[in-house]
N, C-alpha and C. Protein backbone atom coordinates (compact mmCIF):
# COMPACT_ATOMS: atom_id res chain seq x y z
N MET A 1 54.63 53.44 7.56
CA MET A 1 53.67 53.48 6.82
C MET A 1 53.72 54.93 6.01
N SER A 2 53.39 55.03 4.76
CA SER A 2 53.63 56.29 3.99
C SER A 2 52.32 57.00 4.07
N LYS A 3 52.46 58.22 3.73
CA LYS A 3 51.50 59.24 3.86
C LYS A 3 50.40 58.79 2.89
N LYS A 4 50.82 58.34 1.93
CA LYS A 4 49.84 57.76 0.66
C LYS A 4 48.86 56.63 1.21
N HIS A 5 49.53 55.74 1.94
CA HIS A 5 48.87 54.57 2.55
C HIS A 5 47.92 54.94 3.51
N ALA A 6 48.34 55.93 4.25
CA ALA A 6 47.49 56.59 5.51
C ALA A 6 46.43 57.05 5.15
N ALA A 7 46.50 57.98 3.98
CA ALA A 7 45.34 58.59 3.39
C ALA A 7 44.26 57.63 2.75
N VAL A 8 44.57 56.56 2.03
CA VAL A 8 44.05 55.73 1.32
C VAL A 8 43.09 54.75 2.24
N GLY A 9 43.91 54.30 3.27
CA GLY A 9 43.41 53.34 4.31
C GLY A 9 43.91 51.95 3.81
N PRO A 10 43.39 50.94 4.54
CA PRO A 10 43.82 49.63 4.29
C PRO A 10 43.44 49.08 2.92
N PRO A 11 44.07 48.13 2.40
CA PRO A 11 43.79 47.74 1.19
C PRO A 11 42.28 47.01 1.16
N GLU A 12 41.41 47.20 0.17
CA GLU A 12 40.21 46.57 0.22
C GLU A 12 40.05 45.08 0.02
N GLU A 13 39.16 44.65 0.56
CA GLU A 13 39.16 42.94 0.45
C GLU A 13 38.28 42.74 -0.85
N ASP A 14 38.47 41.40 -1.21
CA ASP A 14 37.66 41.07 -2.33
C ASP A 14 36.22 41.18 -2.12
N GLY A 15 35.36 41.93 -3.03
CA GLY A 15 33.98 41.94 -2.68
C GLY A 15 33.06 40.84 -3.08
N GLN A 16 33.41 39.79 -3.39
CA GLN A 16 32.68 38.73 -3.90
C GLN A 16 31.81 37.98 -2.48
N MET A 17 30.81 37.54 -2.82
CA MET A 17 29.75 36.96 -1.79
C MET A 17 29.94 35.54 -1.85
N ASP A 18 29.98 34.91 -0.63
CA ASP A 18 29.85 33.45 -0.68
C ASP A 18 28.34 33.04 -0.89
N MET A 19 27.98 32.32 -1.89
CA MET A 19 26.53 32.02 -2.27
C MET A 19 26.16 30.73 -1.62
N SER A 20 27.11 29.97 -1.05
CA SER A 20 26.83 28.67 -0.66
C SER A 20 25.57 28.67 0.40
N PRO A 21 25.62 29.51 1.43
CA PRO A 21 24.64 29.57 2.58
C PRO A 21 23.27 30.01 1.83
N MET A 22 23.37 30.93 0.84
CA MET A 22 22.06 31.01 0.19
C MET A 22 21.39 30.08 -0.63
N ILE A 23 22.37 29.33 -1.35
CA ILE A 23 21.58 28.17 -1.96
C ILE A 23 21.12 27.06 -0.98
N ASP A 24 21.82 26.91 0.03
CA ASP A 24 21.34 26.06 0.96
C ASP A 24 19.95 26.26 1.48
N MET A 25 19.86 27.58 1.80
CA MET A 25 18.62 28.11 2.35
C MET A 25 17.66 27.92 1.24
N VAL A 26 17.71 28.17 0.03
CA VAL A 26 16.82 28.00 -1.09
C VAL A 26 16.41 26.64 -1.14
N PHE A 27 17.22 25.54 -1.12
CA PHE A 27 16.95 24.06 -1.19
C PHE A 27 16.15 23.86 0.14
N LEU A 28 16.47 24.24 1.33
CA LEU A 28 15.66 23.92 2.41
C LEU A 28 14.18 24.53 2.33
N LEU A 29 14.04 25.79 1.69
CA LEU A 29 12.79 26.23 1.65
C LEU A 29 11.90 25.51 0.52
N LEU A 30 12.73 25.12 -0.53
CA LEU A 30 12.00 24.42 -1.54
C LEU A 30 11.57 23.02 -1.00
N ILE A 31 12.28 22.44 -0.32
CA ILE A 31 12.02 21.06 0.47
C ILE A 31 10.64 21.33 1.35
N PHE A 32 10.87 22.27 2.03
CA PHE A 32 9.85 22.55 3.07
C PHE A 32 8.37 22.86 2.38
N PHE A 33 8.38 23.67 1.26
CA PHE A 33 7.22 23.90 0.55
C PHE A 33 6.48 22.71 -0.23
N VAL A 34 7.53 21.98 -0.64
CA VAL A 34 7.17 20.62 -1.44
C VAL A 34 6.37 19.73 -0.65
N ILE A 35 7.01 19.54 0.75
CA ILE A 35 6.48 18.71 1.77
C ILE A 35 5.13 19.11 2.21
N ASN A 36 4.93 20.27 2.38
CA ASN A 36 3.82 20.90 2.94
C ASN A 36 2.74 21.23 1.94
N ALA A 37 2.96 21.35 0.73
CA ALA A 37 2.04 21.61 -0.39
C ALA A 37 1.46 20.57 -0.96
N THR A 38 1.99 19.18 -0.65
CA THR A 38 1.50 17.93 -1.33
C THR A 38 0.02 17.99 -1.16
N ALA A 39 -0.81 17.65 -2.28
CA ALA A 39 -2.21 17.32 -2.27
C ALA A 39 -2.64 16.37 -1.62
N ILE A 40 -3.53 16.58 -0.50
CA ILE A 40 -4.15 15.67 0.35
C ILE A 40 -5.26 15.02 -0.37
N THR A 41 -5.53 13.96 -0.78
CA THR A 41 -6.56 13.25 -1.63
C THR A 41 -7.32 12.38 -0.70
N VAL A 42 -8.61 12.33 -1.10
CA VAL A 42 -9.37 11.44 -0.53
C VAL A 42 -9.08 10.01 -0.68
N LYS A 43 -9.00 9.08 0.27
CA LYS A 43 -8.52 7.75 0.13
C LYS A 43 -9.77 7.12 -0.59
N LYS A 44 -9.51 6.34 -1.51
CA LYS A 44 -10.49 5.52 -2.13
C LYS A 44 -10.48 4.00 -1.88
N ASP A 45 -11.52 3.52 -1.42
CA ASP A 45 -11.68 2.00 -1.23
C ASP A 45 -12.01 1.36 -2.46
N LYS A 46 -11.01 0.53 -3.19
CA LYS A 46 -10.98 -0.16 -4.33
C LYS A 46 -12.16 -1.06 -4.43
N ASN A 47 -12.77 -1.50 -3.22
CA ASN A 47 -13.84 -2.43 -3.23
C ASN A 47 -15.40 -1.91 -3.36
N ILE A 48 -15.34 -0.48 -3.62
CA ILE A 48 -16.65 0.09 -3.74
C ILE A 48 -16.76 0.61 -5.34
N THR A 49 -17.80 0.30 -5.92
CA THR A 49 -17.87 0.58 -7.34
C THR A 49 -18.92 1.79 -7.33
N MET A 50 -18.39 2.90 -7.63
CA MET A 50 -19.19 4.15 -7.44
C MET A 50 -20.02 4.30 -8.73
N PRO A 51 -21.07 4.99 -8.47
CA PRO A 51 -21.99 5.20 -9.74
C PRO A 51 -21.38 6.29 -10.52
N ASN A 52 -21.91 6.30 -11.92
CA ASN A 52 -21.64 7.30 -12.81
C ASN A 52 -22.44 8.46 -12.76
N ALA A 53 -21.98 9.59 -13.19
CA ALA A 53 -22.65 10.95 -13.17
C ALA A 53 -22.14 11.75 -14.12
N SER A 54 -23.00 12.35 -14.81
CA SER A 54 -22.70 13.12 -16.09
C SER A 54 -21.97 14.51 -15.64
N ASN A 55 -22.20 15.16 -14.45
CA ASN A 55 -21.52 16.28 -13.95
C ASN A 55 -20.73 16.06 -12.82
N ALA A 56 -20.15 14.80 -12.70
CA ALA A 56 -19.26 14.49 -11.69
C ALA A 56 -18.01 15.42 -11.67
N ALA A 57 -17.51 15.89 -10.55
CA ALA A 57 -16.14 16.53 -10.52
C ALA A 57 -15.25 15.88 -9.38
N ASP A 58 -14.01 16.11 -9.58
CA ASP A 58 -13.14 15.78 -8.24
C ASP A 58 -13.18 16.85 -7.22
N VAL A 59 -13.08 16.52 -5.81
CA VAL A 59 -13.01 17.23 -4.85
C VAL A 59 -11.80 18.15 -4.81
N LYS A 60 -11.82 19.47 -4.84
CA LYS A 60 -10.75 20.25 -4.82
C LYS A 60 -9.85 20.05 -3.73
N SER A 61 -10.42 19.94 -2.53
CA SER A 61 -9.56 19.77 -1.46
C SER A 61 -10.33 18.73 -0.67
N SER A 62 -9.43 17.87 -0.02
CA SER A 62 -10.04 16.86 0.86
C SER A 62 -9.83 17.45 2.45
N ASN A 63 -9.41 18.72 2.61
CA ASN A 63 -9.32 19.24 3.99
C ASN A 63 -10.71 19.55 4.34
N GLY A 64 -11.20 18.83 5.53
CA GLY A 64 -12.46 18.89 6.08
C GLY A 64 -13.35 17.96 5.71
N CYS A 65 -12.95 17.05 4.69
CA CYS A 65 -13.93 16.03 4.32
C CYS A 65 -13.91 14.81 5.45
N ILE A 66 -15.13 14.54 5.68
CA ILE A 66 -15.18 13.27 6.58
C ILE A 66 -15.78 12.30 5.68
N VAL A 67 -14.87 11.27 5.36
CA VAL A 67 -15.10 10.30 4.29
C VAL A 67 -15.78 9.13 4.97
N ILE A 68 -16.99 8.69 4.51
CA ILE A 68 -17.62 7.66 4.84
C ILE A 68 -18.05 6.60 3.74
N ASN A 69 -17.52 5.36 3.82
CA ASN A 69 -17.82 4.45 2.62
C ASN A 69 -19.05 3.65 3.01
N ILE A 70 -20.03 3.84 2.10
CA ILE A 70 -21.39 2.96 2.35
C ILE A 70 -21.38 1.61 1.51
N TYR A 71 -21.44 0.43 2.22
CA TYR A 71 -21.31 -0.63 1.61
C TYR A 71 -22.78 -1.30 1.39
N GLY A 72 -23.59 -0.99 2.29
CA GLY A 72 -24.99 -1.57 2.02
C GLY A 72 -24.98 -2.90 2.67
N GLU A 73 -26.07 -3.62 2.56
CA GLU A 73 -26.44 -4.91 2.96
C GLU A 73 -25.56 -5.82 1.94
N ALA A 74 -25.07 -7.00 2.50
CA ALA A 74 -24.16 -7.75 1.69
C ALA A 74 -25.22 -8.67 0.75
N SER A 75 -25.32 -7.92 -0.38
CA SER A 75 -26.31 -8.76 -1.34
C SER A 75 -25.53 -9.44 -2.57
N GLU A 76 -26.14 -9.97 -3.33
CA GLU A 76 -25.36 -10.58 -4.53
C GLU A 76 -24.66 -9.48 -5.40
N GLY A 77 -23.42 -9.88 -5.69
CA GLY A 77 -22.59 -8.96 -6.44
C GLY A 77 -22.07 -7.70 -5.65
N ALA A 78 -22.36 -7.62 -4.39
CA ALA A 78 -21.77 -6.70 -3.41
C ALA A 78 -20.18 -7.11 -3.14
N LYS A 79 -19.40 -6.20 -3.32
CA LYS A 79 -17.86 -6.70 -2.85
C LYS A 79 -17.63 -5.91 -1.80
N ARG A 80 -16.84 -6.61 -0.79
CA ARG A 80 -16.33 -5.86 0.49
C ARG A 80 -14.95 -6.48 0.80
N PRO A 81 -14.30 -5.41 1.47
CA PRO A 81 -13.09 -5.97 2.05
C PRO A 81 -12.87 -6.96 2.89
N ASP A 82 -11.89 -7.81 2.95
CA ASP A 82 -11.95 -8.78 4.07
C ASP A 82 -12.14 -8.14 5.26
N THR A 83 -11.73 -6.99 5.74
CA THR A 83 -11.86 -6.61 7.08
C THR A 83 -13.14 -5.94 7.42
N ILE A 84 -14.10 -5.77 6.46
CA ILE A 84 -15.57 -5.35 6.66
C ILE A 84 -16.42 -6.53 6.82
N PRO A 85 -16.90 -6.78 8.16
CA PRO A 85 -17.86 -7.85 8.19
C PRO A 85 -19.14 -7.79 7.28
N ALA A 86 -19.89 -8.83 7.09
CA ALA A 86 -21.10 -8.76 6.08
C ALA A 86 -22.06 -7.94 6.64
N ASP A 87 -22.29 -7.81 7.82
CA ASP A 87 -23.43 -7.04 8.49
C ASP A 87 -23.08 -5.46 8.73
N VAL A 88 -21.92 -5.12 8.43
CA VAL A 88 -21.52 -3.56 8.54
C VAL A 88 -21.89 -2.86 7.34
N ILE A 89 -22.55 -1.73 7.55
CA ILE A 89 -22.98 -0.86 6.45
C ILE A 89 -22.01 0.12 6.13
N TRP A 90 -21.40 0.69 6.90
CA TRP A 90 -20.53 1.90 6.89
C TRP A 90 -19.14 1.43 7.15
N GLY A 91 -18.11 2.29 6.59
CA GLY A 91 -16.57 2.09 6.80
C GLY A 91 -15.99 3.61 6.59
N THR A 92 -14.68 3.53 7.23
CA THR A 92 -13.97 4.88 7.14
C THR A 92 -13.04 4.82 5.99
N ASP A 93 -12.44 6.01 5.78
CA ASP A 93 -11.54 5.78 4.54
C ASP A 93 -10.31 4.96 4.98
N GLU A 94 -10.04 4.57 6.07
CA GLU A 94 -8.85 3.80 6.53
C GLU A 94 -9.43 2.26 6.50
N LYS A 95 -10.68 2.04 6.00
CA LYS A 95 -11.27 0.79 5.87
C LYS A 95 -11.37 0.07 7.13
N LYS A 96 -11.85 0.90 8.10
CA LYS A 96 -12.29 0.49 9.43
C LYS A 96 -13.70 0.45 9.44
N PRO A 97 -14.26 -0.60 9.83
CA PRO A 97 -15.72 -0.57 10.00
C PRO A 97 -16.33 0.16 11.07
N LEU A 98 -17.52 0.74 10.81
CA LEU A 98 -18.52 1.56 11.91
C LEU A 98 -19.41 0.53 12.05
N GLU A 99 -19.49 -0.20 13.09
CA GLU A 99 -20.35 -1.35 13.30
C GLU A 99 -21.85 -0.87 13.86
N SER A 100 -21.91 0.37 14.35
CA SER A 100 -23.33 0.82 14.76
C SER A 100 -23.42 2.19 14.47
N TYR A 101 -24.78 2.69 14.67
CA TYR A 101 -25.03 4.12 14.43
C TYR A 101 -24.32 4.99 15.38
N GLU A 102 -24.10 4.54 16.52
CA GLU A 102 -23.27 5.15 17.60
C GLU A 102 -22.00 5.32 17.27
N ALA A 103 -21.52 4.41 16.56
CA ALA A 103 -19.86 4.30 16.21
C ALA A 103 -19.80 5.41 14.97
N LEU A 104 -20.77 5.37 14.28
CA LEU A 104 -20.82 6.15 13.13
C LEU A 104 -20.97 7.90 13.62
N ARG A 105 -21.78 8.00 14.54
CA ARG A 105 -21.96 9.48 15.21
C ARG A 105 -20.60 9.69 15.85
N GLU A 106 -20.11 9.00 16.49
CA GLU A 106 -18.60 9.27 17.36
C GLU A 106 -17.54 9.46 16.25
N TYR A 107 -17.59 8.74 15.19
CA TYR A 107 -16.43 8.84 14.12
C TYR A 107 -16.77 10.34 13.38
N ILE A 108 -18.05 10.78 13.26
CA ILE A 108 -18.30 12.03 12.69
C ILE A 108 -17.86 13.06 13.68
N LYS A 109 -18.25 12.94 14.85
CA LYS A 109 -17.99 13.93 16.08
C LYS A 109 -16.58 14.08 16.13
N GLY A 110 -15.78 12.92 16.19
CA GLY A 110 -14.55 13.26 16.31
C GLY A 110 -13.64 14.01 15.24
N LEU A 111 -14.03 13.54 14.09
CA LEU A 111 -13.14 14.17 13.05
C LEU A 111 -13.81 15.73 12.91
N LYS A 112 -15.17 15.96 13.04
CA LYS A 112 -15.52 17.44 13.14
C LYS A 112 -14.83 18.16 14.20
N GLU A 113 -14.67 17.48 15.53
CA GLU A 113 -14.00 18.42 16.31
C GLU A 113 -12.30 18.70 16.09
N ARG A 114 -11.85 17.63 15.50
CA ARG A 114 -10.57 17.66 14.89
C ARG A 114 -10.38 19.07 13.87
N TYR A 115 -11.34 18.94 12.93
CA TYR A 115 -11.15 20.13 12.07
C TYR A 115 -11.61 21.42 12.55
N GLU A 116 -12.36 21.57 13.55
CA GLU A 116 -12.73 22.67 14.22
C GLU A 116 -11.63 23.20 15.03
N ASN A 117 -10.62 22.42 15.52
CA ASN A 117 -9.46 22.77 16.08
C ASN A 117 -8.52 23.27 15.11
N PHE A 118 -8.47 22.57 14.07
CA PHE A 118 -7.48 23.14 12.90
C PHE A 118 -8.05 24.58 12.58
N ASN A 119 -9.28 24.89 12.39
CA ASN A 119 -9.68 26.10 12.15
C ASN A 119 -9.59 27.21 13.14
N LYS A 120 -9.42 26.67 14.40
CA LYS A 120 -8.95 27.76 15.44
C LYS A 120 -7.58 27.95 15.33
N GLY A 121 -6.87 27.17 14.83
CA GLY A 121 -5.23 27.33 14.52
C GLY A 121 -4.98 28.28 13.32
N GLY A 122 -6.16 28.79 12.74
CA GLY A 122 -5.71 29.53 11.41
C GLY A 122 -6.13 28.94 10.07
N SER A 123 -6.40 27.61 10.02
CA SER A 123 -6.68 26.92 8.95
C SER A 123 -8.29 27.07 8.50
N GLU A 124 -8.55 27.37 7.47
CA GLU A 124 -10.07 27.40 7.22
C GLU A 124 -10.66 26.12 6.49
N TYR A 125 -10.86 25.18 7.15
CA TYR A 125 -11.45 24.05 6.54
C TYR A 125 -12.98 23.97 6.65
N GLU A 126 -13.57 23.89 5.40
CA GLU A 126 -14.93 23.62 5.32
C GLU A 126 -15.35 22.12 5.68
N ILE A 127 -15.89 21.98 6.81
CA ILE A 127 -16.40 20.63 7.34
C ILE A 127 -17.52 20.03 6.44
N ARG A 128 -17.44 19.00 5.99
CA ARG A 128 -18.41 18.38 5.12
C ARG A 128 -18.33 16.67 5.02
N LEU A 129 -19.52 16.09 4.84
CA LEU A 129 -19.51 14.75 4.72
C LEU A 129 -19.16 14.31 3.17
N TYR A 130 -18.36 13.46 3.10
CA TYR A 130 -17.98 12.83 1.84
C TYR A 130 -18.37 11.38 1.69
N LEU A 131 -19.52 11.13 1.12
CA LEU A 131 -20.20 9.78 0.93
C LEU A 131 -19.81 9.05 -0.19
N ARG A 132 -19.23 7.86 0.00
CA ARG A 132 -18.80 7.05 -1.23
C ARG A 132 -19.55 5.91 -1.19
N GLY A 133 -20.61 5.85 -1.81
CA GLY A 133 -21.54 4.66 -1.84
C GLY A 133 -21.23 3.67 -2.97
N ASP A 134 -21.38 2.36 -2.70
CA ASP A 134 -21.41 1.42 -3.87
C ASP A 134 -22.67 1.47 -4.67
N GLN A 135 -22.45 1.21 -5.70
CA GLN A 135 -23.66 1.21 -6.92
C GLN A 135 -24.84 0.34 -6.36
N LYS A 136 -24.52 -0.77 -5.50
CA LYS A 136 -25.46 -1.87 -5.12
C LYS A 136 -25.94 -1.37 -3.70
N ALA A 137 -25.31 -0.44 -3.23
CA ALA A 137 -25.78 0.05 -1.74
C ALA A 137 -27.20 0.48 -1.81
N LEU A 138 -27.81 0.44 -0.81
CA LEU A 138 -29.23 1.03 -0.59
C LEU A 138 -29.17 2.53 0.00
N PHE A 139 -30.13 3.24 -0.38
CA PHE A 139 -29.79 4.62 0.03
C PHE A 139 -30.12 4.89 1.51
N LYS A 140 -30.78 3.82 2.15
CA LYS A 140 -30.99 3.89 3.62
C LYS A 140 -29.71 4.17 4.14
N GLY A 141 -28.65 3.51 3.82
CA GLY A 141 -27.25 3.60 4.53
C GLY A 141 -26.81 5.05 4.45
N ALA A 142 -26.94 5.69 3.27
CA ALA A 142 -26.53 7.11 3.09
C ALA A 142 -27.59 8.01 3.96
N ARG A 143 -28.64 7.63 4.03
CA ARG A 143 -29.65 8.59 4.82
C ARG A 143 -29.44 8.45 6.33
N GLU A 144 -28.90 7.46 6.71
CA GLU A 144 -28.61 7.26 8.16
C GLU A 144 -27.28 8.01 8.51
N VAL A 145 -26.38 8.06 7.43
CA VAL A 145 -25.11 8.97 7.62
C VAL A 145 -25.49 10.45 7.70
N ILE A 146 -26.42 10.83 6.60
CA ILE A 146 -26.87 12.11 6.67
C ILE A 146 -27.48 12.57 7.87
N ARG A 147 -28.28 11.89 8.59
CA ARG A 147 -28.96 11.99 9.84
C ARG A 147 -27.94 11.98 10.96
N ALA A 148 -26.82 11.29 11.05
CA ALA A 148 -25.82 11.34 11.96
C ALA A 148 -25.06 12.67 11.91
N GLY A 149 -24.86 12.81 10.52
CA GLY A 149 -23.90 14.20 10.41
C GLY A 149 -24.79 15.49 10.82
N GLY A 150 -26.19 15.50 10.54
CA GLY A 150 -26.90 16.46 10.96
C GLY A 150 -27.10 16.59 12.56
N GLU A 151 -27.07 15.53 13.23
CA GLU A 151 -27.12 15.41 14.49
C GLU A 151 -25.74 16.06 15.17
N GLU A 152 -24.69 15.86 14.46
CA GLU A 152 -23.50 16.18 14.88
C GLU A 152 -23.04 17.81 14.27
N GLY A 153 -24.02 18.23 13.57
CA GLY A 153 -23.97 19.68 13.03
C GLY A 153 -23.09 19.80 11.58
N VAL A 154 -22.95 18.83 11.12
CA VAL A 154 -22.43 18.71 9.70
C VAL A 154 -23.47 18.81 8.67
N SER A 155 -23.55 19.87 7.95
CA SER A 155 -24.94 19.90 7.05
C SER A 155 -24.58 19.88 5.48
N LYS A 156 -23.25 20.01 5.27
CA LYS A 156 -22.67 19.92 3.92
C LYS A 156 -22.27 18.56 3.48
N ILE A 157 -22.88 18.10 2.26
CA ILE A 157 -22.74 16.75 1.88
C ILE A 157 -22.33 16.60 0.38
N ILE A 158 -21.34 15.64 0.38
CA ILE A 158 -20.84 15.45 -1.12
C ILE A 158 -21.21 14.00 -1.38
N PHE A 159 -21.79 13.62 -2.44
CA PHE A 159 -21.99 12.33 -2.82
C PHE A 159 -20.85 11.84 -4.08
N ALA A 160 -20.11 11.07 -3.76
CA ALA A 160 -19.02 10.72 -4.84
C ALA A 160 -19.52 10.02 -5.89
N ALA A 161 -19.12 10.36 -7.11
CA ALA A 161 -19.51 9.49 -8.27
C ALA A 161 -18.43 9.67 -9.33
N MET A 162 -18.36 8.76 -10.20
CA MET A 162 -17.31 8.91 -11.26
C MET A 162 -17.79 9.58 -12.36
N PRO A 163 -16.97 10.23 -13.12
CA PRO A 163 -17.43 10.84 -14.25
C PRO A 163 -17.99 9.80 -15.20
N GLU A 164 -19.04 10.31 -15.98
CA GLU A 164 -19.69 9.41 -17.04
C GLU A 164 -18.64 9.20 -18.29
N LYS A 165 -18.48 8.21 -18.76
CA LYS A 165 -17.47 8.02 -20.14
C LYS A 165 -18.34 8.44 -21.18
N ARG A 166 -17.93 9.39 -21.85
CA ARG A 166 -18.57 9.85 -23.04
C ARG A 166 -17.94 9.06 -24.31
N GLY A 167 -18.87 8.72 -25.07
CA GLY A 167 -18.58 8.02 -26.51
C GLY A 167 -17.96 8.88 -27.47
N ASN A 168 -17.34 8.44 -28.48
CA ASN A 168 -16.64 9.33 -29.31
C ASN A 168 -17.51 9.43 -30.58
């Protein structure tokens, strides 16, 4: 080796970076955030015709919502899913009937405990009842849900309503 090469050192390598792993990581992060950031919506039972209200607004987040459908008594014009018997007043957002007041309380209690466990894990879910009553349902069904929620320690209540259609 000549003195010139010894003083300069070994020839330098190409200074370009391989961007393939960086691009792979960006796509993985993008997929992760898209999957985890999808909006959780409140499931709607198409068999319930909700009342209209002039100041109705969508729920910003369904996290912490305990959804209860109120069917009321099977009266004329009341529509029900095939899975809900005629004598059942309440149902869950999965269209499962709550056949007694005790079943209603257990459902509220179970979801409340689940959301409280999420809160212990760092999430901040505001626990609230989300009542979706049919236009033809009697208020006594909602009153019993409110009472059951109060007995289980849930005091915030949202009454679902459709926005009123405004004429031109």
